[in-house]
Amino acid sequence: MPGDPLLRPYYDHDTFNAGYSVIFKPGVGLIDTATNKPIIASFGQSLGNSLAGKGIGIHTHRPNGSTAAIASGGDKNYVYDLEFSEYFDFSNLSELLKNLFWNFFKNYCKVVVSQPLEIVRLVLQVGYFDFSQAPKPKEVKKHRRLAESLESSNNSLPELESSSEGEEEIDFFQSTRDVSSPKKSTSLSSSKTTSRPSKIQPISRHTVDIMTAIASKDGPFALFRGVNASFIHHTLAHTIEAWITGFLSPFLGIPDPFFLDLTHSTEPAKSLWLSVSACVLAGVVLMPLDLIKVRLMLTQFNRGVPQSESTSSSSSPSPSVHEETQPVVNTRSVRESFRNYPIKYLLHPPPTITLLTVLHQFSTTVFRKASPYILFIRYNVDAYSAPNWYTMANLILSIAELFIKLPMENLLRKEQVRFLLKPKSLEEDKYRVVTIDNPDEDLIVNFNSWDAAHANAESSGKLSYWQRFKILGLFNGWRVGVLNVIGFWGYNILRSSEVLTEEKL
């Protein structure tokens, strides 16, 4: 013990002076060596002198009418402590805007690069394909060659006809009965050219074949449907999650888990549940935007005007009735879709979609946040102590996370499309923001409902348990998910390699 005279008989804790201006005595506190009194006594005396003849409070009225902020240590400017001046400094403001713009640009580029894979995964999750009558790749090549030869032969026919017509005599007295024949041929040719299939027709379920089918049907820009909605959803999800964790973490007495791993947290359990709760709340808040994003990714570019509006405008030629018709809303716009979102479904969202959203967000966040902590506690593997092992373990855990959240994601997407295909009245959805009235023409793929797949499979015979499990399609799109995980894993390796080398130096 420090005060035991048997260990150090020359030392007396009360009279020993080591040259410090302040010493600590157990049970008393900090003692000023100059006055041999507690330091709190001098603070109290100076505070009393400073408050003599003055008001007490945050805003203290002085004799000249001005106000001042007073704290326990004297006059203190609380507004200055908030550092508002840094936000109005031009150099700091320009740097803040530059970093904000650069982060937005990087995130938008990441969403643009991953959007084709997201569309392919969504198509595989909600789409139904019948490849029993699909041609083989060799047959497709033969058909292409045959079509090219037919086109070349058709192009050579007008030249032969023009040469033969030049040699024949002109008949000035033609009958009127022959005039109708070219009109029929032109109408047939025009009907053949204008009739395009409304559904994509891939030759297999591979990623490249799905992307090729989408691009060949609607062009290469069709692979980027809903990219703005995906970027807004991604940005708002991270922003809301960061706000919630940053607001509640001081009340729980823990560091912000959004910016700090569980391995460095003082209370990992509280940090884990705060992260999970913030992610679930962000997902529930952004359910309308997620539904709009799914509709934009699965529908055609040129969605027609609802039939009620078109019929009312066509059947009433008078100008007074035209003024009463509602203006056409561009449902391909994220802003217009969110502005005209039905209030009923905004305040009372579908319970099945809400439950599946909560389960999907919960399964994703728990595994993503808890796996690095378990890896460090169980195997002592960290990004700084063993970077190579941590990198490989991070890839394996990311793939495992994909297979854990994929069944919930499949069920959620199918339930969202089922809700979009559900008939709704004009009172429920006036501008058809969350309604697909004509799925045969608007959807780019046949919906993989349980009833249709079950009926087609049951007609061939009795279903086994494995066939029933395959019909559910809980793991549809796993190849695309693995490609996406590997791509972002490589990007994170390239981004974090410079940071690790700087820390080693």
Protein backbone atom coordinates (compact mmCIF):
# COMPACT_ATOMS: atom_id res chain seq x y z
CA MET A 1 0.00 0.00 0.00
CA PRO A 2 1.30 3.54 -0.71
CA GLY A 3 0.76 4.78 2.83
CA ASP A 4 2.24 1.75 4.64
CA PRO A 5 5.25 2.96 6.78
CA LEU A 6 6.74 -0.57 6.86
CA LEU A 7 7.44 -0.46 3.12
CA ARG A 8 8.63 3.13 2.87
CA PRO A 9 9.20 4.64 6.35
CA TYR A 10 10.62 7.86 4.88
CA TYR A 11 7.39 8.61 2.99
CA ASP A 12 4.47 10.51 4.48
CA HIS A 13 1.57 11.01 2.08
CA ASP A 14 0.30 14.19 3.80
CA THR A 15 3.64 16.00 4.05
CA PHE A 16 5.50 14.62 1.02
CA ASN A 17 6.05 17.30 -1.63
CA ALA A 18 7.14 16.16 -5.08
CA GLY A 19 7.04 19.63 -6.63
CA TYR A 20 3.57 19.32 -8.16
CA SER A 21 1.19 22.26 -8.09
CA VAL A 22 -1.75 19.91 -7.43
CA ILE A 23 -1.77 16.60 -5.56
CA PHE A 24 -4.48 14.05 -4.91
CA LYS A 25 -5.49 12.88 -1.43
CA PRO A 26 -7.87 9.93 -1.05
CA GLY A 27 -11.19 11.00 0.42
CA VAL A 28 -10.45 14.70 -0.09
CA GLY A 29 -9.76 15.19 -3.77
CA LEU A 30 -7.37 17.53 -5.56
CA ILE A 31 -5.34 19.73 -3.16
CA ASP A 32 -3.61 22.96 -4.13
CA THR A 33 -0.07 22.75 -2.68
CA ALA A 34 0.24 26.55 -2.46
CA THR A 35 -2.78 27.02 -0.18
CA ASN A 36 -3.04 23.41 1.09
CA LYS A 37 -6.79 23.56 0.41
CA PRO A 38 -9.03 21.68 -1.95
CA ILE A 39 -9.01 23.15 -5.41
CA ILE A 40 -12.79 23.25 -5.48
CA ALA A 41 -12.70 25.92 -2.74
CA SER A 42 -10.74 28.31 -4.97
CA PHE A 43 -13.13 27.59 -7.86
CA GLY A 44 -16.12 28.34 -5.68
CA GLN A 45 -14.62 31.63 -4.46
CA SER A 46 -13.77 32.81 -8.00
CA LEU A 47 -17.24 31.81 -9.19
CA GLY A 48 -18.85 33.75 -6.35
CA ASN A 49 -16.76 36.85 -7.15
CA SER A 50 -17.64 36.64 -10.82
CA LEU A 51 -21.37 36.27 -10.09
CA ALA A 52 -21.50 39.06 -7.50
CA GLY A 53 -24.12 41.61 -8.51
CA LYS A 54 -25.10 39.62 -11.62
CA GLY A 55 -28.02 37.47 -12.60
CA ILE A 56 -27.78 33.70 -12.69
CA GLY A 57 -28.77 31.77 -15.77
CA ILE A 58 -27.79 31.04 -19.29
CA HIS A 59 -28.77 34.48 -20.57
CA THR A 60 -27.56 36.96 -17.91
CA HIS A 61 -28.60 40.61 -18.13
CA ARG A 62 -25.78 43.04 -17.63
CA PRO A 63 -26.12 46.71 -16.68
CA ASN A 64 -25.69 47.81 -20.31
CA GLY A 65 -28.56 45.52 -21.43
CA SER A 66 -26.38 42.90 -23.14
CA THR A 67 -26.57 39.22 -22.42
CA ALA A 68 -23.81 36.73 -21.76
CA ALA A 69 -23.67 32.96 -21.38
CA ILE A 70 -22.48 31.94 -17.88
CA ALA A 71 -21.23 28.51 -16.90
CA SER A 72 -19.77 27.04 -13.76
CA GLY A 73 -16.34 28.39 -14.61
CA GLY A 74 -17.38 31.94 -15.53
CA ASP A 75 -18.48 33.55 -18.78
CA LYS A 76 -18.69 31.07 -21.63
CA ASN A 77 -20.05 31.40 -25.15
CA TYR A 78 -22.07 28.28 -25.93
CA VAL A 79 -22.73 29.35 -29.51
CA TYR A 80 -19.00 29.57 -30.12
CA ASP A 81 -18.55 26.04 -28.76
CA LEU A 82 -20.92 24.72 -31.44
CA GLU A 83 -18.35 25.86 -34.04
CA PHE A 84 -20.88 27.36 -36.44
CA SER A 85 -18.16 29.62 -37.78
CA GLU A 86 -16.46 26.65 -39.45
CA TYR A 87 -19.55 25.97 -41.54
CA PHE A 88 -19.58 29.54 -42.86
CA ASP A 89 -15.87 29.60 -43.60
CA PHE A 90 -15.43 29.59 -47.39
CA SER A 91 -12.41 27.26 -47.40
CA ASN A 92 -14.08 24.70 -45.13
CA LEU A 93 -17.37 24.99 -46.99
CA SER A 94 -15.75 24.44 -50.37
CA GLU A 95 -13.85 21.43 -49.05
CA LEU A 96 -17.04 20.03 -47.52
CA LEU A 97 -18.97 20.43 -50.77
CA LYS A 98 -16.11 18.91 -52.75
CA ASN A 99 -15.97 15.81 -50.54
CA LEU A 100 -19.76 15.51 -50.61
CA PHE A 101 -19.87 15.71 -54.40
CA TRP A 102 -17.03 13.20 -54.73
CA ASN A 103 -18.74 10.72 -52.40
CA PHE A 104 -22.02 11.08 -54.29
CA PHE A 105 -20.21 10.52 -57.59
CA LYS A 106 -18.45 7.39 -56.34
CA ASN A 107 -21.64 5.93 -54.94
CA TYR A 108 -23.53 6.70 -58.14
CA CYS A 109 -20.85 5.00 -60.23
CA LYS A 110 -21.04 1.93 -57.97
CA VAL A 111 -24.83 1.80 -58.40
CA VAL A 112 -24.54 2.22 -62.18
CA VAL A 113 -22.01 -0.60 -62.45
CA SER A 114 -24.07 -2.97 -60.31
CA GLN A 115 -27.49 -2.06 -61.76
CA PRO A 116 -27.42 -4.58 -64.67
CA LEU A 117 -26.65 -7.37 -62.22
CA GLU A 118 -29.42 -6.19 -59.89
CA ILE A 119 -31.93 -6.21 -62.76
CA VAL A 120 -30.87 -9.71 -63.80
CA ARG A 121 -31.20 -10.95 -60.22
CA LEU A 122 -34.65 -9.37 -59.88
CA VAL A 123 -35.77 -10.92 -63.18
CA LEU A 124 -34.58 -14.34 -62.03
CA GLN A 125 -36.31 -13.93 -58.66
CA VAL A 126 -39.76 -12.96 -59.95
CA GLY A 127 -39.70 -14.29 -63.52
CA TYR A 128 -40.99 -17.58 -64.88
CA PHE A 129 -39.27 -19.10 -67.92
CA ASP A 130 -40.26 -22.15 -69.93
CA PHE A 131 -37.17 -23.50 -71.69
CA SER A 132 -38.84 -26.70 -72.91
CA GLN A 133 -39.56 -25.14 -76.30
CA ALA A 134 -36.53 -22.91 -76.39
CA PRO A 135 -34.16 -23.52 -79.32
CA LYS A 136 -30.63 -24.70 -78.76
CA PRO A 137 -27.68 -22.42 -79.47
CA LYS A 138 -26.81 -24.31 -82.66
CA GLU A 139 -30.36 -24.00 -83.92
CA VAL A 140 -30.32 -20.29 -83.11
CA LYS A 141 -27.23 -19.85 -85.27
CA LYS A 142 -28.91 -21.72 -88.13
CA HIS A 143 -31.99 -19.54 -87.86
CA ARG A 144 -29.82 -16.43 -87.91
CA ARG A 145 -28.03 -17.58 -91.05
CA LEU A 146 -31.35 -18.43 -92.69
CA ALA A 147 -32.76 -15.01 -91.79
CA GLU A 148 -29.70 -13.27 -93.21
CA SER A 149 -29.97 -15.22 -96.46
CA LEU A 150 -33.69 -14.38 -96.71
CA GLU A 151 -32.99 -10.71 -96.14
CA SER A 152 -30.33 -10.69 -98.85
CA SER A 153 -32.70 -12.41 -101.26
CA ASN A 154 -35.49 -9.95 -100.43
CA ASN A 155 -33.14 -7.04 -101.06
CA SER A 156 -32.27 -8.41 -104.50
CA LEU A 157 -35.95 -8.78 -105.54
CA PRO A 158 -36.67 -5.04 -106.01
CA GLU A 159 -33.69 -4.73 -108.34
CA LEU A 160 -34.96 -7.58 -110.53
CA GLU A 161 -38.48 -6.17 -110.53
CA SER A 162 -37.27 -2.71 -111.52
CA SER A 163 -35.23 -4.09 -114.39
CA SER A 164 -38.13 -6.22 -115.63
CA GLU A 165 -40.59 -3.34 -115.33
CA GLY A 166 -38.37 -1.15 -117.46
CA GLU A 167 -38.54 -3.63 -120.31
CA GLU A 168 -42.33 -4.20 -120.17
CA GLU A 169 -44.87 -1.97 -121.94
CA ILE A 170 -46.86 0.53 -119.92
CA ASP A 171 -50.57 -0.19 -119.67
CA PHE A 172 -52.44 3.10 -119.34
CA PHE A 173 -55.84 1.42 -118.88
CA GLN A 174 -55.45 -0.51 -115.63
CA SER A 175 -58.45 -1.92 -113.79
CA THR A 176 -59.39 -0.60 -110.39
CA ARG A 177 -59.62 -4.10 -108.90
CA ASP A 178 -55.83 -4.51 -108.72
CA VAL A 179 -55.34 -1.43 -106.52
CA SER A 180 -56.33 -3.13 -103.29
CA SER A 181 -53.70 -5.85 -103.48
CA PRO A 182 -50.62 -3.75 -102.58
CA LYS A 183 -52.50 -2.24 -99.65
CA LYS A 184 -53.12 -5.66 -98.20
CA SER A 185 -49.50 -6.64 -98.59
CA THR A 186 -48.27 -3.42 -96.98
CA SER A 187 -50.70 -3.82 -94.10
CA LEU A 188 -49.54 -7.38 -93.50
CA SER A 189 -45.89 -6.36 -93.64
CA SER A 190 -46.47 -3.45 -91.29
CA SER A 191 -48.32 -5.67 -88.81
CA LYS A 192 -45.44 -8.13 -88.87
CA THR A 193 -42.86 -5.44 -88.26
CA THR A 194 -44.78 -3.66 -85.48
CA SER A 195 -45.64 -6.81 -83.53
CA ARG A 196 -42.79 -7.16 -81.06
CA PRO A 197 -42.86 -9.51 -78.08
CA SER A 198 -43.51 -7.74 -74.78
CA LYS A 199 -41.57 -10.34 -72.75
CA ILE A 200 -37.90 -11.12 -72.83
CA GLN A 201 -37.02 -14.49 -74.35
CA PRO A 202 -33.67 -15.72 -73.00
CA ILE A 203 -32.29 -19.04 -74.15
CA SER A 204 -31.16 -20.00 -70.61
CA ARG A 205 -31.06 -18.72 -67.02
CA HIS A 206 -27.43 -17.64 -67.22
CA THR A 207 -26.56 -14.05 -66.44
CA VAL A 208 -25.20 -13.20 -69.88
CA ASP A 209 -28.23 -14.67 -71.64
CA ILE A 210 -30.65 -12.67 -69.47
CA MET A 211 -28.70 -9.45 -70.09
CA THR A 212 -28.59 -10.18 -73.83
CA ALA A 213 -32.34 -10.78 -73.94
CA ILE A 214 -33.07 -7.51 -72.12
CA ALA A 215 -30.68 -5.50 -74.30
CA SER A 216 -31.93 -7.05 -77.56
CA LYS A 217 -35.55 -6.33 -76.66
CA ASP A 218 -35.39 -2.72 -75.41
CA GLY A 219 -31.83 -1.61 -76.13
CA PRO A 220 -28.72 -1.38 -73.95
CA PHE A 221 -30.20 1.36 -71.75
CA ALA A 222 -32.81 -1.13 -70.53
CA LEU A 223 -30.10 -2.66 -68.33
CA PHE A 224 -30.07 0.58 -66.31
CA ARG A 225 -33.78 0.80 -65.52
CA GLY A 226 -34.41 2.40 -62.14
CA VAL A 227 -30.79 3.43 -61.58
CA ASN A 228 -31.81 6.77 -60.04
CA ALA A 229 -34.28 5.09 -57.70
CA SER A 230 -31.60 2.59 -56.65
CA PHE A 231 -29.10 5.38 -55.97
CA ILE A 232 -31.62 7.39 -53.92
CA HIS A 233 -32.64 4.28 -51.97
CA HIS A 234 -29.00 3.34 -51.28
CA THR A 235 -28.07 6.86 -50.16
CA LEU A 236 -31.12 7.41 -47.97
CA ALA A 237 -30.77 3.99 -46.34
CA HIS A 238 -27.22 4.73 -45.20
CA THR A 239 -28.11 8.28 -44.20
CA ILE A 240 -31.11 7.30 -42.08
CA GLU A 241 -29.17 4.47 -40.46
CA ALA A 242 -26.31 6.85 -39.59
CA TRP A 243 -28.74 9.42 -38.15
CA ILE A 244 -30.48 6.87 -35.94
CA THR A 245 -27.26 5.35 -34.58
CA GLY A 246 -25.66 8.77 -34.07
CA PHE A 247 -28.71 10.05 -32.18
CA LEU A 248 -29.23 7.06 -29.87
CA SER A 249 -25.62 6.03 -29.17
CA PRO A 250 -24.92 8.88 -26.64
CA PHE A 251 -28.01 7.92 -24.64
CA LEU A 252 -26.80 4.30 -24.47
CA GLY A 253 -23.26 5.35 -23.55
CA ILE A 254 -21.61 3.57 -26.51
CA PRO A 255 -19.65 4.78 -29.54
CA ASP A 256 -21.48 5.14 -32.83
CA PRO A 257 -21.67 1.59 -34.29
CA PHE A 258 -22.18 2.91 -37.82
CA PHE A 259 -18.56 4.16 -37.94
CA LEU A 260 -17.01 1.69 -35.46
CA ASP A 261 -16.84 -2.11 -35.60
CA LEU A 262 -18.10 -4.26 -32.78
CA THR A 263 -14.52 -5.38 -32.09
CA HIS A 264 -13.68 -1.86 -30.87
CA SER A 265 -16.92 -1.21 -29.00
CA THR A 266 -17.05 -1.10 -25.20
CA GLU A 267 -20.43 -2.89 -25.17
CA PRO A 268 -20.80 -5.07 -28.29
CA ALA A 269 -24.31 -6.28 -27.46
CA LYS A 270 -25.75 -2.77 -27.31
CA SER A 271 -23.92 -1.76 -30.46
CA LEU A 272 -25.22 -4.82 -32.33
CA TRP A 273 -28.84 -4.27 -31.38
CA LEU A 274 -28.62 -0.56 -32.12
CA SER A 275 -27.25 -1.30 -35.60
CA VAL A 276 -29.94 -3.90 -36.26
CA SER A 277 -32.72 -1.60 -35.06
CA ALA A 278 -31.44 1.31 -37.16
CA CYS A 279 -31.22 -0.86 -40.29
CA VAL A 280 -34.72 -2.28 -39.76
CA LEU A 281 -36.22 1.19 -39.20
CA ALA A 282 -34.49 2.54 -42.30
CA GLY A 283 -35.88 -0.35 -44.36
CA VAL A 284 -39.43 0.20 -43.05
CA VAL A 285 -39.26 3.94 -43.74
CA LEU A 286 -38.02 3.37 -47.31
CA MET A 287 -40.59 0.69 -48.22
CA PRO A 288 -42.49 3.00 -50.63
CA LEU A 289 -39.28 3.90 -52.46
CA ASP A 290 -38.28 0.24 -52.62
CA LEU A 291 -41.65 -0.61 -54.18
CA ILE A 292 -41.24 2.16 -56.76
CA LYS A 293 -37.74 0.91 -57.55
CA VAL A 294 -39.00 -2.63 -58.20
CA ARG A 295 -41.75 -1.34 -60.50
CA LEU A 296 -39.32 0.79 -62.51
CA MET A 297 -36.92 -2.12 -62.95
CA LEU A 298 -39.58 -4.54 -64.23
CA THR A 299 -41.82 -2.39 -66.44
CA GLN A 300 -41.44 -1.06 -69.95
CA PHE A 301 -40.04 2.35 -70.71
CA ASN A 302 -43.22 3.59 -72.42
CA ARG A 303 -46.02 2.83 -70.01
CA GLY A 304 -49.34 3.98 -71.41
CA VAL A 305 -51.85 6.28 -69.81
CA PRO A 306 -54.42 4.49 -67.62
CA GLN A 307 -57.50 3.41 -69.53
CA SER A 308 -59.89 5.49 -67.45
CA GLU A 309 -58.14 8.70 -68.40
CA SER A 310 -57.73 7.81 -72.08
CA THR A 311 -61.35 6.75 -72.51
CA SER A 312 -62.65 9.82 -70.74
CA SER A 313 -60.55 12.10 -72.92
CA SER A 314 -61.51 10.32 -76.15
CA SER A 315 -65.24 10.08 -75.44
CA SER A 316 -65.68 13.75 -74.44
CA PRO A 317 -64.69 16.09 -77.27
CA SER A 318 -65.99 19.26 -75.60
CA PRO A 319 -63.29 21.60 -74.19
CA SER A 320 -65.05 21.94 -70.84
CA VAL A 321 -64.68 18.22 -70.16
CA HIS A 322 -61.06 18.27 -71.28
CA GLU A 323 -60.31 20.82 -68.61
CA GLU A 324 -61.74 18.55 -65.90
CA THR A 325 -59.59 15.55 -66.84
CA GLN A 326 -56.59 14.91 -64.64
CA PRO A 327 -53.13 15.65 -66.07
CA VAL A 328 -51.04 12.71 -67.15
CA VAL A 329 -48.41 11.77 -64.56
CA ASN A 330 -45.06 10.41 -65.67
CA THR A 331 -44.80 7.30 -63.53
CA ARG A 332 -41.28 6.64 -64.82
CA SER A 333 -40.12 9.62 -62.76
CA VAL A 334 -39.06 8.89 -59.19
CA ARG A 335 -40.08 12.35 -58.05
CA GLU A 336 -43.56 12.18 -59.59
CA SER A 337 -44.09 8.63 -58.36
CA PHE A 338 -43.20 9.53 -54.80
CA ARG A 339 -45.21 12.75 -54.94
CA ASN A 340 -48.34 10.91 -56.11
CA TYR A 341 -47.84 7.87 -53.90
CA PRO A 342 -51.20 6.76 -52.41
CA ILE A 343 -51.69 8.07 -48.89
CA LYS A 344 -53.53 4.92 -47.88
CA TYR A 345 -50.57 2.65 -48.56
CA LEU A 346 -48.14 5.22 -47.19
CA LEU A 347 -49.85 5.26 -43.78
CA HIS A 348 -50.97 1.62 -43.82
CA PRO A 349 -48.43 -0.41 -45.82
CA PRO A 350 -49.20 -4.04 -46.68
CA PRO A 351 -48.47 -6.19 -43.61
CA THR A 352 -46.82 -9.02 -45.57
CA ILE A 353 -44.37 -6.66 -47.27
CA THR A 354 -43.64 -4.99 -43.92
CA LEU A 355 -42.94 -8.32 -42.21
CA LEU A 356 -40.70 -9.57 -45.02
CA THR A 357 -38.84 -6.24 -45.08
CA VAL A 358 -38.16 -6.47 -41.35
CA LEU A 359 -36.94 -10.07 -41.65
CA HIS A 360 -34.76 -9.24 -44.66
CA GLN A 361 -33.12 -6.25 -42.97
CA PHE A 362 -32.69 -8.20 -39.73
CA SER A 363 -30.99 -11.19 -41.37
CA THR A 364 -28.69 -8.94 -43.37
CA THR A 365 -27.54 -6.69 -40.54
CA VAL A 366 -27.09 -9.31 -37.83
CA PHE A 367 -24.72 -11.40 -39.92
CA ARG A 368 -22.83 -8.43 -41.38
CA LYS A 369 -22.21 -6.82 -37.99
CA ALA A 370 -21.69 -9.91 -35.84
CA SER A 371 -19.43 -11.95 -38.14
CA PRO A 372 -16.30 -9.72 -37.80
CA TYR A 373 -16.76 -9.65 -34.02
CA ILE A 374 -17.08 -13.44 -33.78
CA LEU A 375 -14.09 -13.83 -36.09
CA PHE A 376 -11.96 -11.65 -33.83
CA ILE A 377 -13.12 -13.13 -30.52
CA ARG A 378 -13.07 -16.75 -31.63
CA TYR A 379 -10.03 -16.90 -33.93
CA ASN A 380 -8.23 -13.60 -33.16
CA VAL A 381 -8.30 -12.59 -36.84
CA ASP A 382 -8.34 -8.86 -37.49
CA ALA A 383 -7.74 -6.56 -40.45
CA TYR A 384 -4.54 -5.27 -38.81
CA SER A 385 -3.09 -8.36 -37.13
CA ALA A 386 -3.73 -10.82 -40.00
CA PRO A 387 -4.84 -8.90 -43.12
CA ASN A 388 -4.51 -11.84 -45.55
CA TRP A 389 -6.59 -14.22 -43.45
CA TYR A 390 -9.10 -11.48 -42.73
CA THR A 391 -9.51 -10.75 -46.45
CA MET A 392 -10.23 -14.37 -47.32
CA ALA A 393 -12.52 -14.78 -44.33
CA ASN A 394 -14.36 -11.61 -45.32
CA LEU A 395 -15.04 -13.05 -48.79
CA ILE A 396 -16.35 -16.32 -47.36
CA LEU A 397 -18.53 -14.51 -44.84
CA SER A 398 -19.92 -12.21 -47.54
CA ILE A 399 -20.95 -15.20 -49.65
CA ALA A 400 -22.48 -16.85 -46.58
CA GLU A 401 -24.38 -13.62 -45.86
CA LEU A 402 -25.73 -13.69 -49.42
CA PHE A 403 -27.14 -17.21 -49.01
CA ILE A 404 -28.66 -16.29 -45.64
CA LYS A 405 -30.51 -13.20 -46.89
CA LEU A 406 -31.37 -14.57 -50.38
CA PRO A 407 -34.49 -16.58 -49.37
CA MET A 408 -35.99 -13.57 -47.59
CA GLU A 409 -35.14 -11.35 -50.52
CA ASN A 410 -36.82 -13.75 -52.97
CA LEU A 411 -40.00 -13.87 -50.92
CA LEU A 412 -39.98 -10.09 -50.50
CA ARG A 413 -39.59 -9.39 -54.24
CA LYS A 414 -42.34 -11.84 -55.18
CA GLU A 415 -44.68 -10.32 -52.63
CA GLN A 416 -43.92 -6.82 -53.95
CA VAL A 417 -44.70 -7.83 -57.54
CA ARG A 418 -47.85 -9.60 -56.38
CA PHE A 419 -48.95 -6.37 -54.68
CA LEU A 420 -48.20 -4.38 -57.85
CA LEU A 421 -50.30 -6.77 -59.93
CA LYS A 422 -53.23 -6.64 -57.50
CA PRO A 423 -56.18 -4.71 -59.04
CA LYS A 424 -56.83 -1.39 -57.31
CA SER A 425 -59.54 1.19 -57.80
CA LEU A 426 -58.91 4.81 -58.71
CA GLU A 427 -59.68 5.82 -55.13
CA GLU A 428 -56.90 3.59 -53.83
CA ASP A 429 -54.32 4.44 -56.51
CA LYS A 430 -55.42 7.38 -58.63
CA TYR A 431 -52.26 7.76 -60.73
CA ARG A 432 -51.40 4.03 -60.87
CA VAL A 433 -48.11 4.50 -59.06
CA VAL A 434 -48.19 1.11 -57.31
CA THR A 435 -50.42 -0.68 -59.80
CA ILE A 436 -49.63 -2.53 -63.02
CA ASP A 437 -52.92 -2.67 -64.91
CA ASN A 438 -51.74 -4.62 -67.95
CA PRO A 439 -48.99 -7.07 -66.96
CA ASP A 440 -49.01 -8.74 -70.39
CA GLU A 441 -47.68 -5.56 -72.00
CA ASP A 442 -46.07 -3.64 -69.13
CA LEU A 443 -44.02 -6.37 -67.43
CA ILE A 444 -40.88 -7.51 -69.22
CA VAL A 445 -41.19 -11.04 -67.78
CA ASN A 446 -43.93 -13.48 -66.82
CA PHE A 447 -44.54 -13.39 -63.08
CA ASN A 448 -43.40 -16.52 -61.26
CA SER A 449 -46.41 -16.92 -59.01
CA TRP A 450 -46.79 -20.06 -56.93
CA ASP A 451 -50.13 -20.91 -58.51
CA ALA A 452 -48.91 -20.82 -62.11
CA ALA A 453 -45.72 -22.77 -61.45
CA HIS A 454 -47.57 -25.29 -59.29
CA ALA A 455 -50.23 -25.85 -61.96
CA ASN A 456 -47.67 -26.35 -64.74
CA ALA A 457 -45.63 -28.73 -62.65
CA GLU A 458 -48.59 -30.64 -61.25
CA SER A 459 -49.93 -31.39 -64.72
CA SER A 460 -46.92 -33.58 -65.47
CA GLY A 461 -47.34 -35.71 -62.34
CA LYS A 462 -46.93 -35.83 -58.59
CA LEU A 463 -44.39 -33.42 -57.17
CA SER A 464 -41.59 -34.46 -54.85
CA TYR A 465 -40.34 -32.38 -51.95
CA TRP A 466 -37.26 -31.29 -53.89
CA GLN A 467 -39.44 -30.19 -56.83
CA ARG A 468 -41.71 -28.24 -54.51
CA PHE A 469 -38.63 -26.56 -53.01
CA LYS A 470 -37.34 -25.68 -56.47
CA ILE A 471 -40.71 -24.19 -57.43
CA LEU A 472 -40.44 -21.81 -54.48
CA GLY A 473 -37.24 -20.42 -55.99
CA LEU A 474 -35.75 -19.26 -52.70
CA PHE A 475 -32.22 -19.17 -54.09
CA ASN A 476 -32.91 -17.75 -57.54
CA GLY A 477 -30.23 -15.29 -58.60
CA TRP A 478 -27.44 -16.70 -56.45
CA ARG A 479 -24.94 -16.64 -59.33
CA VAL A 480 -25.52 -12.93 -59.89
CA GLY A 481 -25.22 -12.29 -56.16
CA VAL A 482 -21.89 -14.11 -55.98
CA LEU A 483 -20.55 -12.10 -58.93
CA ASN A 484 -21.64 -8.89 -57.23
CA VAL A 485 -20.01 -9.90 -53.93
CA ILE A 486 -16.72 -10.83 -55.62
CA GLY A 487 -16.65 -7.56 -57.56
CA PHE A 488 -17.14 -5.35 -54.51
CA TRP A 489 -14.74 -7.54 -52.51
CA GLY A 490 -12.00 -6.85 -55.06
CA TYR A 491 -12.84 -3.15 -55.02
CA ASN A 492 -12.56 -3.04 -51.23
CA ILE A 493 -9.18 -4.81 -51.37
CA LEU A 494 -7.81 -2.21 -53.78
CA ARG A 495 -9.22 0.61 -51.67
CA SER A 496 -7.96 -0.66 -48.30
CA SER A 497 -4.46 -1.72 -49.42
CA GLU A 498 -3.15 1.87 -49.38
CA VAL A 499 -4.58 2.48 -45.91
CA LEU A 500 -2.90 -0.60 -44.48
CA THR A 501 0.49 0.30 -45.98
CA GLU A 502 0.28 3.81 -44.54
CA GLU A 503 -0.51 2.45 -41.08
CA LYS A 504 2.41 0.01 -41.26
CA LEU A 505 4.77 2.85 -42.14
